Protein backbone atom coordinates (compact mmCIF):
# COMPACT_ATOMS: atom_id res chain seq x y z
CA MET A 1 -30.71 -33.99 75.25
CA LYS A 2 -28.16 -31.86 77.01
CA LYS A 3 -25.76 -34.81 77.42
CA ILE A 4 -26.09 -35.72 73.74
CA LEU A 5 -25.31 -32.13 72.67
CA LEU A 6 -22.20 -31.96 74.86
CA LEU A 7 -20.96 -35.27 73.43
CA ALA A 8 -21.37 -34.02 69.87
CA LEU A 9 -19.48 -30.81 70.56
CA TRP A 10 -16.63 -32.77 72.20
CA THR A 11 -16.38 -35.06 69.16
CA ILE A 12 -16.12 -32.11 66.74
CA ALA A 13 -13.42 -30.45 68.82
CA VAL A 14 -11.33 -33.62 68.96
CA LEU A 15 -11.58 -34.13 65.21
CA ALA A 16 -10.55 -30.53 64.57
CA ALA A 17 -7.54 -30.85 66.84
CA CYS A 18 -6.40 -33.99 64.99
CA GLN A 19 -6.41 -32.53 61.41
CA LYS A 20 -3.21 -33.32 59.37
CA PRO A 21 -1.05 -30.61 57.63
CA ASP A 22 -2.32 -29.57 54.11
CA TYR A 23 0.10 -31.50 51.87
CA ASP A 24 -0.49 -32.17 48.18
CA THR A 25 -3.96 -33.65 48.23
CA THR A 26 -3.42 -35.45 44.91
CA VAL A 27 -0.90 -37.92 46.34
CA THR A 28 -0.54 -39.97 49.53
CA GLY A 29 2.44 -41.38 51.37
CA GLU A 30 5.74 -41.08 49.47
CA SER A 31 4.20 -40.95 45.98
CA ILE A 32 5.32 -38.30 43.41
CA GLY A 33 2.81 -36.00 41.74
CA ASN A 34 2.47 -35.76 37.96
CA PHE A 35 4.67 -33.18 36.17
CA ALA A 36 5.03 -31.93 32.61
CA LEU A 37 7.89 -31.28 30.16
CA SER A 38 8.70 -27.74 29.00
CA LEU A 39 11.60 -27.47 26.53
CA PRO A 40 12.66 -28.42 23.93
CA ALA A 41 9.37 -28.85 22.11
CA THR A 42 8.57 -32.20 20.57
CA ASN A 43 10.22 -32.91 17.20
CA ALA A 44 13.01 -30.44 17.95
CA ALA A 45 16.16 -30.81 15.82
CA ILE A 46 19.50 -30.02 17.45
CA ALA A 47 22.77 -29.95 15.54
CA LEU A 48 25.86 -30.10 17.76
CA ASN A 49 28.37 -27.50 16.59
CA ALA A 50 32.01 -28.64 16.56
CA ALA A 51 33.13 -25.00 16.42
CA THR A 52 31.36 -24.09 19.67
CA PRO A 53 31.85 -27.10 21.98
CA THR A 54 31.11 -25.09 25.13
CA ALA A 55 27.79 -23.78 23.83
CA LYS A 56 25.00 -24.88 26.17
CA LEU A 57 21.67 -26.58 25.68
CA GLU A 58 18.89 -26.52 28.25
CA ILE A 59 16.20 -29.14 28.91
CA THR A 60 13.50 -27.96 31.31
CA TRP A 61 10.35 -29.30 32.96
CA ALA A 62 7.90 -28.47 35.75
CA ALA A 63 9.00 -29.63 39.21
CA ALA A 64 7.14 -32.67 40.52
CA LYS A 65 5.07 -32.32 43.69
CA PRO A 66 6.57 -34.44 46.49
CA GLY A 67 4.64 -36.75 48.77
CA VAL A 68 5.13 -36.09 52.51
CA ASP A 69 8.70 -34.87 52.90
CA LYS A 70 11.07 -36.39 50.36
CA VAL A 71 12.04 -34.06 47.47
CA PRO A 72 12.70 -36.08 44.29
CA THR A 73 15.79 -36.00 42.11
CA TYR A 74 15.62 -36.03 38.30
CA LYS A 75 17.35 -37.51 35.29
CA TRP A 76 16.90 -37.04 31.58
CA VAL A 77 16.35 -40.34 29.79
CA ALA A 78 16.48 -40.90 26.02
CA ALA A 79 16.10 -43.96 23.83
CA ALA A 80 16.15 -44.75 20.12
CA LYS A 81 12.89 -43.71 18.50
CA THR A 82 12.78 -46.95 16.56
CA ASN A 83 12.75 -50.11 18.73
CA GLY A 84 13.90 -48.20 21.81
CA THR A 85 12.25 -47.91 25.23
CA LEU A 86 12.71 -45.53 28.14
CA GLU A 87 12.73 -48.50 30.54
CA THR A 88 16.17 -49.34 29.08
CA PRO A 89 17.36 -45.91 27.89
CA LEU A 90 20.30 -45.17 25.61
CA LEU A 91 21.22 -42.07 27.65
CA GLU A 92 20.67 -41.21 31.33
CA LEU A 93 21.88 -37.81 32.51
CA PRO A 94 21.18 -36.28 35.95
CA SER A 95 19.71 -32.79 36.14
CA ASP A 96 21.60 -29.75 37.45
CA ASN A 97 22.54 -29.38 41.13
CA GLY A 98 23.14 -33.08 41.65
CA GLY A 99 19.76 -33.98 40.20
CA LYS A 100 17.76 -31.58 42.39
CA ASP A 101 16.90 -28.92 39.79
CA ALA A 102 14.10 -29.15 37.24
CA LYS A 103 16.61 -28.34 34.52
CA LEU A 104 19.46 -30.03 32.70
CA THR A 105 22.21 -27.80 31.32
CA ILE A 106 24.65 -29.58 29.03
CA THR A 107 27.31 -28.41 26.55
CA HIS A 108 27.43 -29.49 22.94
CA LYS A 109 30.59 -31.48 23.65
CA GLN A 110 29.17 -33.25 26.72
CA LEU A 111 26.12 -34.39 24.77
CA ASP A 112 28.29 -35.30 21.77
CA ASP A 113 30.62 -37.36 23.99
CA ALA A 114 27.63 -39.18 25.49
CA LEU A 115 26.35 -40.10 22.02
CA LYS A 116 29.84 -41.05 20.85
CA ALA A 117 30.16 -43.43 23.79
CA LYS A 118 27.06 -45.22 22.53
CA GLY A 119 28.61 -45.78 19.11
CA ILE A 120 26.92 -42.97 17.20
CA ALA A 121 29.18 -41.93 14.31
CA ASP A 122 30.55 -38.42 13.77
CA GLY A 123 28.01 -36.24 11.96
CA ALA A 124 25.31 -38.90 12.23
CA LYS A 125 21.70 -37.87 12.82
CA THR A 126 19.99 -39.76 15.62
CA GLU A 127 16.24 -39.83 16.24
CA LEU A 128 15.37 -40.27 19.91
CA ILE A 129 12.46 -40.22 22.31
CA TRP A 130 12.99 -38.61 25.68
CA SER A 131 11.38 -37.80 28.99
CA ILE A 132 12.26 -37.04 32.64
CA GLN A 133 12.24 -39.49 35.52
CA ALA A 134 11.75 -38.32 39.12
CA ASP A 135 12.95 -40.53 42.01
CA ASN A 136 12.43 -39.96 45.76
CA GLY A 137 14.15 -43.16 46.85
CA SER A 138 11.05 -45.25 47.17
CA THR A 139 9.05 -44.21 44.12
CA GLN A 140 9.93 -43.39 40.48
CA GLN A 141 7.61 -41.27 38.35
CA THR A 142 8.03 -40.42 34.63
CA ALA A 143 6.74 -37.12 33.21
CA THR A 144 3.26 -37.11 31.70
CA GLU A 145 4.54 -37.23 28.11
CA THR A 146 7.33 -38.51 25.89
CA ARG A 147 8.79 -36.24 23.21
CA ASN A 148 10.69 -36.78 19.96
CA ILE A 149 14.07 -35.15 19.31
CA THR A 150 16.65 -35.38 16.54
CA ILE A 151 20.31 -34.80 17.46
CA THR A 152 23.12 -34.58 14.91
CA ARG A 153 26.57 -35.39 16.26
CA MET A 154 29.56 -33.11 15.79
CA LYS A 155 31.53 -33.23 12.60
CA ASP A 156 31.67 -29.80 10.96
CA GLY A 157 30.78 -26.49 12.51
CA ALA A 158 31.10 -22.74 12.49
CA THR A 159 30.98 -20.08 15.17
CA ALA A 160 28.12 -17.60 15.52
CA PHE A 161 28.46 -14.27 13.73
CA ILE A 162 26.45 -11.08 13.24
CA LEU A 163 25.35 -8.86 10.36
CA LEU A 164 26.92 -5.41 10.02
CA GLY A 165 25.04 -3.68 7.25
CA PRO A 166 22.84 -2.44 5.84
CA ALA A 167 21.11 -2.08 9.20
CA SER A 168 17.37 -2.62 9.41
CA SER A 169 15.48 0.45 8.24
CA SER A 170 12.09 1.35 6.84
CA SER A 171 13.75 4.03 4.67
CA PRO A 172 14.53 2.60 1.22
CA ILE A 173 17.94 2.45 -0.39
CA THR A 174 17.64 4.28 -3.71
CA ILE A 175 19.44 2.61 -6.62
CA ASN A 176 19.81 3.40 -10.29
CA PRO A 177 18.48 0.23 -11.97
CA VAL A 178 20.62 0.62 -15.09
CA SER A 179 23.87 1.67 -13.41
CA THR A 180 26.89 -0.62 -13.66
CA ALA A 181 29.04 1.80 -11.65
CA ASP A 182 26.94 1.90 -8.46
CA SER A 183 26.48 -0.97 -6.03
CA VAL A 184 24.82 -1.93 -2.75
CA LYS A 185 27.14 -3.43 -0.12
CA PHE A 186 26.22 -6.11 2.43
CA ASN A 187 28.78 -7.10 5.06
CA TRP A 188 29.02 -9.18 8.22
CA ARG A 189 31.53 -10.51 10.74
CA ARG A 190 33.40 -13.67 9.85
CA SER A 191 32.52 -17.07 11.26
CA VAL A 192 35.32 -19.47 12.32
CA PRO A 193 35.16 -23.13 11.23
CA ALA A 194 35.64 -26.04 13.63
CA ALA A 195 39.14 -27.51 13.90
CA GLY A 196 39.73 -29.72 10.89
CA ALA A 197 36.51 -28.62 9.20
CA GLY A 198 36.35 -27.15 5.71
CA ALA A 199 36.81 -23.46 4.91
CA ILE A 200 33.74 -21.28 5.28
CA THR A 201 31.78 -19.84 2.37
CA TYR A 202 28.89 -17.39 2.67
CA LYS A 203 25.69 -16.64 0.83
CA VAL A 204 23.25 -13.77 1.32
CA VAL A 205 19.64 -14.90 1.35
CA PHE A 206 16.58 -12.69 0.81
CA SER A 207 13.07 -13.52 1.94
CA LYS A 208 9.72 -11.77 1.82
CA ASP A 209 8.39 -13.22 5.07
CA GLY A 210 11.51 -14.39 6.92
CA ASN A 211 11.36 -17.99 5.68
CA PHE A 212 14.96 -18.59 4.65
CA GLU A 213 14.33 -22.25 3.95
CA ALA A 214 12.52 -21.04 0.83
CA PRO A 215 14.06 -17.62 0.07
CA VAL A 216 13.06 -15.34 -2.79
CA PHE A 217 16.64 -15.46 -4.06
CA THR A 218 20.21 -16.16 -2.87
CA ILE A 219 23.48 -14.52 -3.92
CA PRO A 220 26.98 -15.87 -3.04
CA ALA A 221 29.38 -13.52 -1.25
CA GLY A 222 32.29 -11.99 -3.09
CA ASN A 223 35.35 -14.00 -4.12
CA THR A 224 33.23 -17.10 -4.90
CA GLY A 225 31.63 -16.96 -1.46
CA LYS A 226 34.81 -16.60 0.60
CA ASP A 227 34.55 -12.90 1.49
CA SER A 228 32.49 -11.48 4.35
CA VAL A 229 31.08 -8.86 2.00
CA LEU A 230 28.82 -8.78 -1.03
CA ALA A 231 28.74 -5.76 -3.34
CA ILE A 232 25.81 -6.13 -5.77
CA VAL A 233 26.01 -3.95 -8.87
CA ALA A 234 22.84 -1.83 -9.06
CA LYS A 235 21.87 -3.14 -12.50
CA ASP A 236 22.41 -6.77 -11.42
CA LEU A 237 20.28 -6.18 -8.32
CA ASN A 238 17.49 -4.71 -10.41
CA ASP A 239 17.70 -7.55 -12.94
CA THR A 240 17.42 -10.04 -10.07
CA LEU A 241 14.41 -8.27 -8.58
CA VAL A 242 12.71 -8.19 -11.99
CA LYS A 243 13.48 -11.91 -12.48
CA TYR A 244 11.75 -12.73 -9.21
CA ASN A 245 8.55 -10.80 -9.98
CA TYR A 246 9.45 -7.33 -8.69
CA ALA A 247 9.18 -5.69 -12.10
CA ASP A 248 7.22 -2.56 -11.16
CA LEU A 249 9.92 0.04 -10.64
CA SER A 250 7.44 2.48 -9.10
CA GLN A 251 7.06 0.21 -6.07
CA THR A 252 9.41 -0.03 -3.10
CA VAL A 253 10.62 -3.62 -2.59
CA SER A 254 10.87 -4.61 1.09
CA LEU A 255 12.74 -7.80 1.98
CA LYS A 256 14.33 -9.52 4.97
CA TRP A 257 17.93 -10.67 4.60
CA THR A 258 20.52 -12.70 6.46
CA VAL A 259 23.74 -14.60 5.74
CA ILE A 260 24.37 -18.34 5.93
CA ALA A 261 27.92 -19.58 6.55
CA THR A 262 28.71 -23.09 5.30
CA SER A 263 31.59 -25.33 6.41
CA GLY A 264 31.37 -28.86 5.04
CA THR A 265 27.85 -30.03 5.86
CA TRP A 266 27.35 -27.39 8.55
CA LYS A 267 25.17 -24.36 7.85
CA GLN A 268 25.36 -21.52 10.35
CA PRO A 269 22.86 -18.65 9.93
CA ALA A 270 23.81 -15.22 11.25
CA ASP A 271 22.46 -14.39 14.68
CA TYR A 272 20.19 -11.69 13.27
CA VAL A 273 17.83 -10.95 10.41
CA ASN A 274 17.77 -7.42 8.96
CA GLU A 275 15.16 -5.67 6.87
CA VAL A 276 16.03 -3.77 3.72
CA ALA A 277 13.97 -1.82 1.18
CA PHE A 278 14.97 -0.84 -2.36
CA LEU A 279 13.62 2.06 -4.41
CA ARG A 280 14.77 1.92 -8.02
CA GLU A 281 15.07 5.34 -9.59
CA ILE A 282 16.84 6.77 -12.59
CA ASN A 283 16.99 10.49 -11.99
CA PHE A 284 17.72 13.29 -14.41
CA TYR A 285 17.24 16.96 -13.63
CA LEU A 286 16.31 20.33 -15.04
CA VAL A 287 17.99 23.47 -13.69
CA GLY A 288 17.55 27.03 -14.84
CA SER A 289 15.43 30.13 -14.47
CA VAL A 290 12.56 27.72 -13.72
CA ASN A 291 14.07 27.01 -10.27
CA ASP A 292 16.35 30.02 -9.73
CA TRP A 293 19.31 27.97 -10.97
CA SER A 294 19.44 25.86 -7.80
CA ILE A 295 21.68 22.87 -8.59
CA ASP A 296 21.04 21.54 -5.08
CA ASN A 297 17.29 21.59 -5.56
CA PRO A 298 16.87 20.59 -9.22
CA LEU A 299 13.61 19.54 -10.87
CA LYS A 300 13.32 15.79 -11.45
CA MET A 301 12.35 14.78 -14.97
CA VAL A 302 10.06 11.92 -15.98
CA VAL A 303 11.81 8.66 -16.94
CA ASP A 304 10.82 7.34 -20.35
CA GLN A 305 9.63 3.79 -19.61
CA LYS A 306 9.99 2.39 -23.12
CA ALA A 307 12.51 -0.43 -23.13
CA ASP A 308 14.64 1.06 -25.89
CA ARG A 309 14.77 4.45 -24.12
CA TYR A 310 14.77 3.48 -20.47
CA GLY A 311 17.63 5.16 -18.65
CA THR A 312 18.61 7.34 -21.60
CA VAL A 313 15.56 9.53 -22.32
CA PHE A 314 13.89 11.92 -19.85
CA TYR A 315 11.25 14.60 -20.29
CA THR A 316 9.08 17.10 -18.44
CA TYR A 317 6.06 19.23 -19.29
CA ILE A 318 6.61 22.68 -17.86
CA LYS A 319 5.32 26.24 -18.13
CA LEU A 320 8.14 28.58 -19.18
CA SER A 321 8.24 32.35 -19.05
CA ASP A 322 9.57 34.54 -21.86
CA ASN A 323 13.34 34.31 -22.33
CA ALA A 324 13.64 31.26 -20.08
CA GLU A 325 17.05 29.54 -19.88
CA PHE A 326 17.97 26.08 -18.60
CA LYS A 327 20.23 23.04 -18.87
CA PHE A 328 19.79 19.33 -18.15
CA PHE A 329 21.85 17.70 -15.38
CA LYS A 330 22.74 14.11 -14.64
CA THR A 331 23.76 14.60 -11.01
CA LYS A 332 22.16 16.69 -8.29
CA GLY A 333 24.60 19.27 -6.92
CA ASP A 334 27.15 18.79 -9.72
CA TRP A 335 27.51 21.66 -12.20
CA SER A 336 29.92 19.61 -14.29
CA SER A 337 27.23 17.00 -15.07
CA GLY A 338 25.21 19.26 -17.35
CA TYR A 339 24.00 18.93 -20.94
CA GLY A 340 23.50 22.24 -22.78
CA ASP A 341 23.13 23.81 -26.21
CA ASN A 342 25.91 22.51 -28.44
CA GLY A 343 24.45 23.55 -31.80
CA ALA A 344 21.19 23.25 -33.69
CA GLY A 345 19.76 19.79 -34.33
CA ALA A 346 18.36 18.49 -37.61
CA THR A 347 14.70 19.18 -36.72
CA ALA A 348 12.91 22.25 -35.40
CA GLY A 349 13.27 22.66 -31.65
CA SER A 350 16.15 20.20 -31.33
CA PHE A 351 19.65 20.89 -30.01
CA LYS A 352 22.89 18.97 -30.06
CA THR A 353 24.19 18.25 -26.57
CA ALA A 354 27.12 16.53 -24.89
CA TYR A 355 28.08 15.73 -21.31
CA ASN A 356 29.53 18.82 -19.61
CA VAL A 357 29.44 20.67 -22.93
CA GLY A 358 27.30 23.51 -24.26
CA GLY A 359 25.70 26.71 -23.10
CA ASN A 360 22.24 27.43 -21.75
CA ILE A 361 19.24 26.43 -23.85
CA LYS A 362 17.01 29.48 -24.37
CA VAL A 363 13.29 29.89 -25.09
CA ALA A 364 12.22 33.34 -26.28
CA THR A 365 8.44 32.95 -26.02
CA GLY A 366 6.83 31.61 -22.86
CA GLY A 367 4.26 28.80 -22.85
CA ILE A 368 3.80 25.14 -21.98
CA TYR A 369 6.62 23.01 -23.38
CA ARG A 370 7.77 19.43 -23.39
CA LEU A 371 11.51 19.41 -22.70
CA THR A 372 13.28 16.17 -23.63
CA ILE A 373 16.88 14.99 -23.24
CA ASP A 374 18.13 11.98 -25.20
CA THR A 375 21.50 11.15 -23.67
CA LYS A 376 22.10 8.19 -25.97
CA ASN A 377 22.01 10.33 -29.11
CA ASN A 378 23.14 13.60 -27.46
CA LEU A 379 20.02 15.47 -28.50
CA ALA A 380 17.59 17.73 -26.65
CA TYR A 381 14.11 18.79 -27.78
CA VAL A 382 12.15 21.93 -26.81
CA GLN A 383 8.58 21.61 -28.12
CA PRO A 384 5.36 23.51 -27.34
CA LYS A 385 3.22 20.59 -26.14
CA GLN A 386 0.78 19.56 -23.44
CA VAL A 387 -1.07 16.35 -22.61
CA GLY A 388 -4.62 15.88 -23.87
CA VAL A 389 -6.99 13.07 -24.86
CA VAL A 390 -7.37 11.22 -28.16
CA GLY A 391 -10.16 8.67 -28.45
CA GLY A 392 -13.69 7.76 -29.46
CA MET A 393 -15.04 11.09 -28.21
CA GLN A 394 -13.08 13.00 -30.90
CA GLY A 395 -12.61 10.47 -33.70
CA TRP A 396 -9.17 9.20 -32.71
CA ASP A 397 -7.50 12.18 -34.35
CA ALA A 398 -3.96 12.30 -32.97
CA LYS A 399 -3.38 15.70 -34.56
CA ALA A 400 -6.17 17.35 -32.59
CA PRO A 401 -6.32 16.07 -29.01
CA VAL A 402 -8.89 17.36 -26.53
CA TYR A 403 -6.78 19.58 -24.29
CA GLY A 404 -7.57 20.89 -20.84
CA THR A 405 -5.44 22.88 -18.46
CA TYR A 406 -1.94 22.80 -17.02
CA MET A 407 -2.30 22.23 -13.27
CA GLN A 408 1.38 22.16 -12.40
CA ARG A 409 4.58 20.73 -13.84
CA ASP A 410 3.81 17.29 -15.31
CA LYS A 411 0.14 17.39 -14.37
CA PHE A 412 -2.87 18.16 -16.61
CA LEU A 413 -6.66 18.24 -16.18
CA ILE A 414 -8.97 17.51 -19.12
CA LEU A 415 -12.79 17.71 -19.12
CA ALA A 416 -13.70 15.32 -21.93
CA SER A 417 -17.16 14.88 -23.38
CA SER A 418 -17.95 11.18 -23.10
CA SER A 419 -20.77 8.66 -23.37
CA GLY A 420 -19.58 6.57 -20.42
CA THR A 421 -18.04 3.91 -22.70
CA ASP A 422 -15.68 5.95 -24.88
CA GLN A 423 -12.18 4.53 -25.15
CA PHE A 424 -9.17 6.82 -25.32
CA LYS A 425 -5.48 7.33 -24.77
CA PHE A 426 -3.65 10.29 -23.30
CA HIS A 427 -1.73 12.02 -26.10
CA ASP A 428 0.31 15.20 -26.51
CA GLY A 429 -0.51 15.73 -30.18
CA SER A 430 1.21 14.65 -33.38
CA LEU A 431 3.65 17.04 -35.04
CA GLY A 432 4.21 14.84 -38.05
CA ALA A 433 2.89 11.46 -39.06
CA VAL A 434 -0.02 10.27 -36.90
CA TRP A 435 0.86 7.94 -33.98
CA THR A 436 4.61 8.10 -34.46
CA PHE A 437 7.05 6.92 -31.80
CA GLY A 438 10.01 9.22 -32.42
CA ILE A 439 11.73 10.74 -29.41
CA GLY A 440 11.00 14.23 -30.68
CA ASP A 441 7.58 13.37 -32.08
CA ASP A 442 4.28 12.65 -30.36
CA ARG A 443 3.96 10.76 -27.12
CA TRP A 444 0.98 8.75 -25.85
CA TRP A 445 -0.06 6.51 -22.96
CA GLY A 446 -2.52 3.68 -22.50
CA LEU A 447 -3.50 1.45 -19.60
CA ALA A 448 -0.85 -1.06 -18.48
CA THR A 449 -1.53 -4.35 -16.72
CA ASN A 450 -0.41 -2.88 -13.36
CA GLY A 451 -3.28 -0.37 -13.51
CA LYS A 452 -0.96 2.53 -14.29
CA LEU A 453 -0.08 4.18 -17.56
CA GLY A 454 2.13 2.45 -20.11
CA HIS A 455 4.19 4.42 -22.62
CA GLU A 456 3.46 4.37 -26.31
CA GLY A 457 4.24 1.37 -28.46
CA ALA A 458 4.06 -1.27 -25.72
CA PRO A 459 2.60 -4.47 -27.20
CA GLU A 460 -1.02 -5.40 -26.41
CA PRO A 461 -2.33 -6.27 -23.90
CA THR A 462 0.40 -4.60 -21.85
CA GLU A 463 -0.81 -1.19 -22.97
CA VAL A 464 -4.48 -0.87 -23.95
CA ASN A 465 -7.15 1.79 -24.33
CA ILE A 466 -8.61 3.48 -21.26
CA VAL A 467 -12.38 3.93 -20.78
CA ALA A 468 -13.90 7.31 -19.83
CA PRO A 469 -16.54 5.94 -17.42
CA TYR A 470 -18.91 8.92 -17.00
CA ALA A 471 -21.46 10.79 -19.13
CA PRO A 472 -21.81 13.43 -20.41
CA VAL A 473 -18.39 14.53 -19.14
CA THR A 474 -15.44 12.71 -17.55
CA ARG A 475 -12.86 14.63 -15.54
CA LEU A 476 -9.39 13.20 -16.33
CA ILE A 477 -6.08 13.97 -14.67
CA TRP A 478 -2.76 12.91 -16.21
CA ASP A 479 -0.19 12.90 -13.40
CA GLY A 480 3.57 12.70 -13.81
CA SER A 481 4.30 13.85 -10.26
CA ASN A 482 6.06 10.53 -9.68
CA PRO A 483 8.77 10.71 -12.35
CA GLN A 484 9.28 6.95 -12.17
CA GLN A 485 5.68 6.03 -13.03
CA ILE A 486 3.00 8.06 -14.77
CA GLY A 487 -0.47 7.80 -13.22
CA TYR A 488 -3.98 9.04 -13.95
CA LYS A 489 -7.38 9.51 -12.31
CA ALA A 490 -10.91 9.60 -13.71
CA TYR A 491 -13.67 11.49 -11.89
CA GLN A 492 -17.26 12.46 -12.59
CA GLY A 493 -17.45 15.51 -14.82
CA LYS A 494 -19.03 17.71 -12.16
CA LEU A 495 -18.17 20.82 -10.19
CA ARG A 496 -20.14 21.91 -7.15
CA ILE A 497 -20.57 24.92 -4.89
CA VAL A 498 -20.06 23.82 -1.29
CA GLY A 499 -20.36 26.09 1.71
CA SER A 500 -21.68 27.07 5.10
CA THR A 501 -25.44 26.91 4.44
CA ALA A 502 -27.72 23.95 3.79
CA GLN A 503 -28.36 25.23 0.24
CA VAL A 504 -24.72 24.51 -0.62
CA GLY A 505 -24.28 21.34 1.43
CA SER A 506 -23.18 22.64 4.85
CA TRP A 507 -19.60 21.85 3.79
CA THR A 508 -20.54 18.31 2.69
CA PRO A 509 -19.51 17.78 -0.98
CA GLY A 510 -22.08 15.03 -1.48
CA ASN A 511 -24.88 17.50 -0.66
CA ALA A 512 -23.37 20.47 -2.49
CA LEU A 513 -24.97 22.40 -5.36
CA ASP A 514 -24.10 21.22 -8.89
CA MET A 515 -22.99 23.86 -11.38
CA ASP A 516 -23.93 23.70 -15.06
CA TYR A 517 -21.17 22.84 -17.54
CA GLN A 518 -20.89 25.27 -20.45
CA GLY A 519 -18.06 23.48 -22.24
CA ASN A 520 -14.35 24.22 -22.61
CA GLY A 521 -13.79 24.23 -18.85
CA VAL A 522 -16.48 26.83 -18.03
CA TRP A 523 -19.11 26.32 -15.28
CA LYS A 524 -22.06 28.59 -14.35
CA LYS A 525 -24.74 28.73 -11.66
CA THR A 526 -27.29 31.31 -10.49
CA VAL A 527 -27.91 31.05 -6.77
CA THR A 528 -29.84 33.03 -4.17
CA PHE A 529 -28.38 33.25 -0.67
CA ALA A 530 -30.77 34.08 2.18
CA GLY A 531 -27.92 35.36 4.32
CA ALA A 532 -24.15 35.67 4.48
CA THR A 533 -22.58 32.49 3.05
CA GLU A 534 -19.00 31.24 2.78
CA PHE A 535 -18.32 28.87 -0.09
CA LYS A 536 -15.80 27.38 -2.51
CA PHE A 537 -15.83 24.88 -5.39
CA VAL A 538 -15.32 21.12 -5.16
CA ILE A 539 -15.59 18.03 -7.36
CA ALA A 540 -18.33 15.44 -6.76
CA GLU A 541 -15.94 12.91 -5.22
CA GLY A 542 -15.00 15.27 -2.41
CA TRP A 543 -12.04 17.34 -1.36
CA ASP A 544 -9.44 15.65 -3.63
CA LEU A 545 -9.77 18.71 -5.86
CA ASN A 546 -11.20 21.98 -4.62
CA TYR A 547 -10.84 25.65 -5.51
CA GLY A 548 -10.90 28.81 -3.46
CA VAL A 549 -9.16 32.17 -3.45
CA ASP A 550 -6.36 33.91 -1.59
CA VAL A 551 -7.87 37.42 -1.78
CA PRO A 552 -11.56 37.71 -2.79
CA GLU A 553 -12.20 40.12 -5.65
CA ALA A 554 -14.95 42.74 -5.86
CA SER A 555 -18.28 41.63 -7.28
CA GLY A 556 -18.19 41.52 -11.08
CA THR A 557 -14.38 41.56 -11.24
CA PRO A 558 -12.67 38.40 -12.56
CA GLY A 559 -10.80 36.73 -9.73
CA THR A 560 -8.14 34.02 -9.65
CA LEU A 561 -8.94 30.54 -8.43
CA LYS A 562 -6.42 28.55 -6.47
CA GLU A 563 -6.45 24.84 -5.65
CA GLY A 564 -7.10 24.54 -1.93
CA GLY A 565 -7.58 28.32 -1.66
CA GLY A 566 -9.61 30.21 0.92
CA ASN A 567 -13.36 30.66 1.16
CA ILE A 568 -15.38 33.27 -0.77
CA THR A 569 -17.99 35.19 1.26
CA LEU A 570 -21.19 36.74 -0.10
CA GLY A 571 -24.10 38.41 1.65
CA ALA A 572 -27.79 37.79 1.04
CA GLY A 573 -28.81 38.17 -2.62
CA THR A 574 -29.02 36.50 -6.02
CA TYR A 575 -25.75 35.92 -7.88
CA THR A 576 -24.60 34.38 -11.13
CA ILE A 577 -21.32 32.64 -10.45
CA THR A 578 -19.12 31.67 -13.41
CA ILE A 579 -15.77 29.95 -13.20
CA ASP A 580 -13.33 28.99 -15.92
CA GLU A 581 -11.59 25.91 -14.57
CA TYR A 582 -9.05 25.93 -17.41
CA LYS A 583 -8.06 29.57 -16.97
CA ARG A 584 -8.51 29.38 -13.17
CA THR A 585 -10.71 32.49 -13.01
CA TYR A 586 -14.14 33.30 -11.63
CA THR A 587 -16.72 36.11 -11.82
CA ILE A 588 -19.71 36.90 -9.63
CA LEU A 589 -22.50 39.06 -11.07
């Protein structure tokens, strides 16, 4: 047994001493291991540019694993896609570094000359198949796949170029959509055509998603496409956006843009793609005692959206003090762009105006007014008006809207009794004939197809009745804070006490204590606090609208409510809390 064991150990040692080096275990002798292609991808299309003959193309692949010690050399082989074969290729080109590198770098002209030598015509498109052959002197191995490629020979061409402006930005360019004096400028560096090729023309292309093969729209450069600049008149740009389904002027339009240079049959896109956003606004301003006469910080007025008034009529609902004075201004920061009192108009509360003519318009008695400027007819209107509701809940009487309270300039809150299905429109009350459309008469709004408010007189179904969705009360807010597009909100007709104890929701509006509606904006609730409690008032939907105070008043003394104000604190006891949401007051007894 001992002799047998020694023999076995000797055999293992000899075998271990005779092991070969760890070469590629997938091949033997002088074979070449499999290898794969990298770039270009299959079905690539390459156009050879006559204007940039020294531009380079790269064809790359993974290096093949050698057999024992011979490193292979490579060549790119290509044949006609139809009836061609790589065994008898149309083109054979060695790789870089005398065939040693796994890469072929070739200029446009070198590849074009190779195709020309095979009888391919200028500008002709050739469909090829291609692969890479490795050769170590005794063995040839072709890559694991064959790819398709389309190459277009030189004829026309243009050099690369870059965009200059507008630079990419998420901040929108604000344009006046009715202005024929303003414009947006696009410019870029010029491209140079190939020798003997046709002159270059340019077009600016706009895309939503960066697909410039199917752009949203295209506009030729200036001078019938010959200039390296395009100045688009603001009105023309807006008309184009509207034509291509960007009709909602309250929305910012974000697009990608580039420029394509064309010389003969050659199309050269700019090296970059920029992003641009447009915000279409027609602004008109109010300046006076209402803003300490700050021409540099004027109050924007609401744009009348009716087609026959758009860009010429502007208005605002505002609370004026006694003996208020003001003027209307076309341009921020420009005192010479004002419209003032140039004589009495034909109807009560109207004034003649003219550009850069007239004195201050004066209002002796304070109150809530609708101020209107009609630049087309050079008339201004100063009328005591506010926005309310006219609808099924009050018999559709345009002369007696259900009014609420003025929240701030161009924003009103109305608590309207409703069945949950009542239809209505927002309305500021008729001064003359019911449901008139005159610039100085009543004004009303219904629901437009974009979900926002449409101005009066728009044809159905563009502007239809709105539904008050809650019973017995719907809280409605008419909101002109965005002067380019009036909006509204409808909430449950509830007001709650929310605060620091479980009885009033532990600061959770959904668990807060409902108050009882008394009508005409008044709410009341008797509550007993077991200990000191901080609280304020909130609507059922949450913190969108809440009321508190700046300085709490003594018990029993009417206090002033403030949106988003501070907490009220009471000690243990029973209290009757009454608030008047319209007057913004509260009492605690």
